Protein backbone atom coordinates (compact mmCIF):
# COMPACT_ATOMS: atom_id res chain seq x y z
CA MET A 1 140.70 144.72 55.50
CA LYS A 2 138.64 143.25 52.65
CA THR A 3 136.71 140.07 53.40
CA THR A 4 134.35 137.70 51.63
CA PHE A 5 132.01 135.24 53.28
CA GLU A 6 131.03 131.62 52.66
CA GLU A 7 128.46 129.23 54.10
CA VAL A 8 129.72 126.06 55.81
CA VAL A 9 128.12 123.04 57.46
CA CYS A 10 128.27 122.45 61.19
CA PRO A 11 131.74 121.05 62.00
CA MET A 12 130.26 119.05 64.86
CA CYS A 13 127.40 117.17 63.14
CA ASN A 14 127.64 118.24 59.45
CA SER A 15 124.13 119.75 59.44
CA ASP A 16 123.42 122.68 57.14
CA GLN A 17 120.60 123.94 59.37
CA TYR A 18 121.67 127.00 61.33
CA GLU A 19 120.34 130.20 62.87
CA ILE A 20 122.29 133.47 63.10
CA LEU A 21 122.18 134.86 66.66
CA CYS A 22 124.55 137.81 66.37
CA LYS A 23 125.93 139.71 63.35
CA LYS A 24 128.60 141.85 64.99
CA GLY A 25 131.50 141.03 67.30
CA GLN A 26 134.61 142.56 68.83
CA TYR A 27 135.73 145.89 67.31
CA ASP A 28 132.27 146.10 65.67
CA ILE A 29 133.53 144.01 62.76
CA PRO A 30 130.73 142.14 60.91
CA MET A 31 130.57 138.41 61.66
CA ASN A 32 127.85 135.81 62.02
CA ALA A 33 127.70 133.93 65.29
CA SER A 34 125.35 131.07 64.45
CA ILE A 35 123.99 128.01 66.20
CA CYS A 36 123.39 124.61 64.66
CA LYS A 37 119.70 123.79 64.90
CA VAL A 38 120.48 120.07 65.23
CA CYS A 39 123.28 119.78 67.81
CA GLY A 40 123.46 123.32 69.20
CA PHE A 41 127.12 123.93 68.35
CA VAL A 42 127.97 127.64 68.08
CA TYR A 43 130.23 128.64 65.20
CA LEU A 44 130.68 131.39 62.61
CA ASN A 45 128.44 130.89 59.60
CA PRO A 46 128.57 132.39 57.05
CA ARG A 47 132.21 133.01 57.86
CA TRP A 48 135.20 134.54 56.12
CA THR A 49 136.78 132.51 53.34
CA LYS A 50 140.16 130.87 53.71
CA GLU A 51 141.71 133.60 51.55
CA SER A 52 140.26 136.33 53.79
CA TYR A 53 141.61 134.69 56.93
CA ASN A 54 145.04 134.15 55.36
CA ASP A 55 145.21 137.84 54.49
CA PHE A 56 144.12 138.76 58.03
CA TYR A 57 146.65 136.57 59.85
CA ASN A 58 149.50 137.53 57.54
CA ASN A 59 148.88 141.27 57.44
CA SER A 60 146.39 142.53 60.03
CA TYR A 61 146.34 140.30 63.13
CA ASP A 62 148.79 142.41 65.14
CA GLN A 63 146.70 145.53 64.59
CA TYR A 64 143.92 143.97 66.66
CA PHE A 65 145.52 141.44 69.00
CA GLN A 66 148.83 141.97 70.74
CA ARG A 67 151.28 139.09 70.71
CA VAL A 68 153.69 138.83 73.64
CA LYS A 69 157.20 137.47 73.15
CA ALA A 70 158.15 134.52 75.32
CA GLU A 71 160.71 136.42 77.39
CA ASP A 72 158.11 139.11 78.18
CA GLU A 73 155.35 136.66 79.10
CA LYS A 74 154.93 136.53 82.88
CA LYS A 75 152.04 134.05 82.82
CA ASP A 76 152.85 130.34 82.68
CA LEU A 77 149.82 128.24 81.77
CA LYS A 78 151.52 125.16 83.23
CA ILE A 79 151.03 123.12 80.09
CA ALA A 80 154.21 121.13 80.68
CA GLN A 81 153.21 120.43 84.29
CA ARG A 82 149.78 119.18 83.23
CA ILE A 83 151.27 116.91 80.59
CA TYR A 84 153.83 115.63 83.09
CA ASP A 85 151.15 114.91 85.70
CA ASN A 86 149.18 112.78 83.22
CA TYR A 87 152.00 111.44 81.05
CA LYS A 88 154.31 110.34 83.90
CA ILE A 89 157.62 110.50 82.06
CA ASP A 90 161.08 111.51 83.19
CA LYS A 91 161.85 115.20 82.76
CA ASP A 92 165.11 114.28 80.98
CA THR A 93 163.31 112.36 78.24
CA ARG A 94 164.06 113.56 74.72
CA LEU A 95 160.68 114.66 73.44
CA LYS A 96 159.76 115.82 69.96
CA VAL A 97 157.20 118.57 70.40
CA LEU A 98 154.94 120.35 67.91
CA ASP A 99 153.30 123.65 68.86
CA ILE A 100 150.39 124.51 66.52
CA GLY A 101 149.70 128.24 66.43
CA ALA A 102 152.92 128.88 68.32
CA GLY A 103 152.89 132.68 68.18
CA PHE A 104 156.07 133.89 69.85
CA GLY A 105 156.69 130.53 71.50
CA ASN A 106 155.12 131.33 74.86
CA ASN A 107 153.91 127.78 75.38
CA SER A 108 156.66 125.79 73.68
CA LEU A 109 159.63 127.66 75.16
CA LYS A 110 158.21 127.31 78.67
CA PHE A 111 157.66 123.64 77.87
CA LYS A 112 161.37 123.36 76.99
CA GLU A 113 162.30 124.91 80.33
CA PHE A 114 160.46 122.01 81.97
CA PHE A 115 161.56 119.22 79.60
CA LYS A 116 165.05 120.52 78.84
CA ASN A 117 165.98 117.85 76.28
CA SER A 118 162.93 118.42 74.12
CA THR A 119 163.16 119.64 70.54
CA ILE A 120 160.48 122.06 69.38
CA SER A 121 158.78 122.41 66.01
CA ALA A 122 155.98 124.81 65.20
CA ILE A 123 153.19 125.73 62.82
CA GLU A 124 152.74 129.50 62.72
CA SER A 125 151.44 132.00 60.17
CA GLY A 126 152.65 135.36 61.52
CA LYS A 127 155.74 136.60 59.68
CA GLU A 128 157.27 138.31 62.71
CA SER A 129 156.48 135.31 64.90
CA ILE A 130 158.13 132.93 62.43
CA SER A 131 161.30 135.02 62.42
CA TYR A 132 161.33 135.08 66.22
CA LEU A 133 160.75 131.32 66.51
CA LYS A 134 163.64 130.60 64.17
CA SER A 135 165.90 132.83 66.27
CA LYS A 136 165.05 130.56 69.21
CA ASN A 137 166.00 127.42 67.23
CA ILE A 138 162.39 126.35 66.76
CA ASN A 139 161.79 124.55 63.47
CA VAL A 140 158.79 126.06 61.70
CA ILE A 141 157.44 123.19 59.59
CA SER A 142 154.54 125.13 58.04
CA ASN A 143 152.82 128.52 58.07
CA ASP A 144 149.39 126.98 57.50
CA VAL A 145 147.69 124.30 59.59
CA ASP A 146 145.54 123.45 56.54
CA SER A 147 148.61 122.53 54.45
CA ASN A 148 149.95 118.97 54.06
CA TRP A 149 152.40 119.23 56.96
CA GLU A 150 151.33 115.80 58.27
CA THR A 151 152.81 114.02 55.23
CA LYS A 152 156.41 114.91 56.02
CA GLY A 153 158.94 114.27 58.77
CA ASP A 154 158.90 112.34 62.02
CA LYS A 155 156.05 111.86 64.46
CA PHE A 156 155.79 113.90 67.65
CA ASP A 157 155.65 112.80 71.28
CA VAL A 158 153.73 115.91 72.32
CA ILE A 159 151.46 118.15 70.23
CA ILE A 160 150.23 121.41 71.74
CA ILE A 161 147.30 123.36 70.30
CA ASN A 162 146.46 126.06 72.84
CA TYR A 163 144.33 129.17 72.16
CA THR A 164 144.43 128.09 68.52
CA PHE A 165 141.69 125.48 68.17
CA GLU A 166 138.94 128.12 68.21
CA HIS A 167 140.58 129.80 65.18
CA LEU A 168 140.46 126.74 62.93
CA LEU A 169 138.42 126.49 59.74
CA ASN A 170 138.64 122.70 59.51
CA PRO A 171 138.89 121.33 63.07
CA ASN A 172 138.14 117.71 62.17
CA GLU A 173 140.80 117.68 59.45
CA THR A 174 143.32 119.23 61.85
CA LEU A 175 142.57 116.62 64.51
CA SER A 176 142.97 113.90 61.87
CA LYS A 177 146.40 115.28 60.98
CA ILE A 178 147.39 115.50 64.64
CA HIS A 179 146.29 111.89 65.15
CA LYS A 180 148.45 110.82 62.21
CA LYS A 181 151.52 112.71 63.45
CA LEU A 182 151.20 111.78 67.12
CA ALA A 183 153.56 108.97 68.08
CA ASP A 184 152.14 105.88 69.72
CA GLY A 185 152.05 106.65 73.43
CA GLY A 186 152.25 110.38 72.73
CA VAL A 187 149.89 113.06 74.05
CA MET A 188 148.04 116.08 72.71
CA TYR A 189 147.34 119.12 74.87
CA ILE A 190 144.39 121.23 73.75
CA GLY A 191 143.06 124.43 75.27
CA THR A 192 140.18 126.47 73.87
CA ILE A 193 137.64 129.10 74.90
CA ASN A 194 134.65 127.91 76.87
CA MET A 195 131.02 128.62 75.95
CA ASP A 196 130.04 127.96 79.56
CA TYR A 197 132.05 130.99 80.74
CA ILE A 198 130.91 133.86 78.53
CA ASP A 199 131.99 137.39 79.42
CA LEU A 200 129.69 140.36 79.04
CA PRO A 201 129.27 142.14 76.77
CA ILE A 202 129.12 139.18 74.43
CA THR A 203 129.51 141.29 71.26
CA LYS A 204 132.51 143.28 72.53
CA ARG A 205 134.57 140.60 74.21
CA PHE A 206 133.42 137.03 73.58
CA PHE A 207 132.36 136.87 69.93
CA ARG A 208 135.33 137.63 67.68
CA PHE A 209 135.71 137.45 63.93
CA ALA A 210 138.95 135.50 64.50
CA HIS A 211 137.19 132.83 66.59
CA THR A 212 135.29 130.49 64.30
CA LEU A 213 134.38 127.83 66.91
CA TYR A 214 132.82 128.01 70.40
CA PHE A 215 133.00 124.85 72.49
CA THR A 216 131.33 123.48 75.58
CA GLU A 217 132.78 120.58 77.56
CA ASN A 218 130.09 118.34 76.07
CA ASN A 219 130.78 118.96 72.40
CA LEU A 220 134.56 119.26 72.77
CA ARG A 221 134.57 115.77 74.28
CA PHE A 222 132.52 114.52 71.36
CA MET A 223 134.74 116.06 68.70
CA LEU A 224 137.92 114.72 70.29
CA GLU A 225 136.50 111.23 70.72
CA LYS A 226 135.02 111.00 67.22
CA ASN A 227 138.46 111.89 65.83
CA GLY A 228 140.14 109.03 67.67
CA PHE A 229 141.33 110.57 70.94
CA GLU A 230 140.91 109.36 74.50
CA ILE A 231 140.69 112.12 77.08
CA MET A 232 143.06 111.43 79.96
CA TYR A 233 142.27 114.65 81.81
CA LEU A 234 139.87 117.54 81.20
CA ASN A 235 139.23 120.62 83.28
CA GLU A 236 137.71 124.05 82.83
CA ASN A 237 138.20 127.52 84.20
CA ASP A 238 141.00 127.28 86.76
CA ASP A 239 143.00 130.13 88.30
CA MET A 240 145.52 130.25 85.43
CA ASN A 241 143.16 129.62 82.55
CA ASN A 242 140.06 131.69 83.15
CA GLY A 243 137.30 130.92 80.69
CA ILE A 244 138.83 127.99 78.82
CA ILE A 245 138.56 124.22 78.59
CA TYR A 246 141.80 122.27 78.48
CA ALA A 247 142.47 118.56 78.02
CA VAL A 248 145.33 116.08 77.83
CA CYS A 249 144.59 113.33 75.31
CA LYS A 250 146.14 110.22 73.81
CA LYS A 251 145.18 108.03 70.87
CA ALA A 252 142.16 105.89 71.61
CA LYS A 253 141.97 102.20 70.77
CA GLU A 254 140.51 101.62 67.32
CA ASP A 255 137.41 99.83 68.64
CA THR A 256 136.53 102.56 71.15
CA GLU A 257 132.83 103.45 70.99
CA VAL A 258 131.95 107.13 70.64
CA LYS A 259 128.95 108.24 72.70
CA GLU A 260 126.11 110.00 70.92
CA LEU A 261 126.25 113.80 71.01
CA LYS A 262 123.51 115.39 73.10
CA SER A 263 121.96 118.48 71.52
CA GLU A 264 122.56 121.75 73.36
CA TYR A 265 120.46 123.85 70.98
CA GLU A 266 117.91 125.22 73.43
CA ILE A 267 120.38 125.73 76.29
CA SER A 268 123.02 127.54 74.23
CA LYS A 269 120.51 129.61 72.25
CA ASN A 270 118.72 130.82 75.37
CA LYS A 271 121.99 131.63 77.11
CA ILE A 272 123.26 133.74 74.22
CA GLN A 273 119.97 135.54 73.65
CA ASN A 274 119.68 136.42 77.36
CA LEU A 275 123.21 137.82 77.39
CA LEU A 276 122.57 139.85 74.26
CA LYS A 277 119.55 141.43 75.99
CA LYS A 278 121.57 142.24 79.13
CA GLU A 279 124.27 144.11 77.28
CA THR A 280 121.78 146.53 75.70
CA GLY A 281 121.42 148.30 79.08
CA ILE A 282 122.76 151.86 79.33
CA PHE A 283 125.47 150.89 81.85
CA PHE A 284 127.05 148.36 79.52
CA TYR A 285 126.64 150.67 76.52
CA ILE A 286 128.56 153.56 78.12
CA LYS A 287 131.22 151.33 79.66
CA TRP A 288 132.09 149.53 76.45
CA LYS A 289 131.86 152.59 74.23
CA VAL A 290 134.63 154.10 76.38
CA ARG A 291 136.61 150.85 76.31
CA TYR A 292 136.22 150.60 72.53
CA PHE A 293 137.49 154.17 72.06
CA LEU A 294 140.56 153.48 74.23
CA SER A 295 141.35 150.19 72.44
CA LYS A 296 141.01 151.93 69.06
CA LEU A 297 143.38 154.67 70.22
CA LYS A 298 145.85 152.04 71.45
CA ARG A 299 145.81 150.24 68.09
CA LYS A 300 146.44 153.52 66.29
CA LEU A 301 149.40 154.30 68.55
CA ASN A 302 150.79 150.80 67.97
CA GLN A 303 150.54 151.27 64.22
CA THR A 304 152.37 154.62 64.36
CA GLY A 305 155.06 153.44 66.76
CA GLY A 306 153.53 155.30 69.70
CA LYS A 307 153.71 158.66 67.95
CA ASN A 308 150.73 160.79 67.08
CA GLU A 309 150.60 161.81 63.44
């Protein structure tokens, strides 16, 4: 897997002042977990280029992260229920739904079980996932969230972006596109990993080369509001969504005032540095060396169809 890196500005406040806190993440793959010195947002910088990420998602993603097909997924994140509780619409309503980063349709197909008359579209990059989605009558409108998908077709009543937002390279542009394609009165559901619930060891589980953005409730609220969304409901870390923040949003009124972003630089930096120190202990070292060996063996078996060469 060949990669090249590029420097970027903070996607939260556009500052070019940053400090690298960690240079290695999950699977010991080089990455730069950095913190903005102005607002304290944690993001990858320098990060892989767009071309490197495209190559990874198209050709290597499944070697590292296992995708589960919808019919094999036992866990229901209750996205449809949360939207229903805040949207208050009849379950027989004909909804046009877009699932961004749909994978194998785990979220959108369970949504359709709840709202049976809904029609599902998707944005997905994985070749196998795209084939599977089409077999389930899901219309794949693009394989790249950074393409011009927002310029074509109808608007959507519901847009889902779950466990995808943290992968984005251009989150503000994506939110702008979602805002443009969201019908008046429609809702967006967003779920993303939570900086306030970091698992140890931070370099083996939490920081990942595929995750470019790391949100807290504070800065997620700010990013959503500055891109024209009103948060109807926000929660974090419940029994079905351990370690994430999720929100149901609608379009805000044009004259809505956006509150100033409070810097989390010292808090987030100290938290990460303390966790990095904790994981250097011998207990964590032995435990995660064993876990890394087993995960590496599992990936090798997956690549060879479960047969040893």
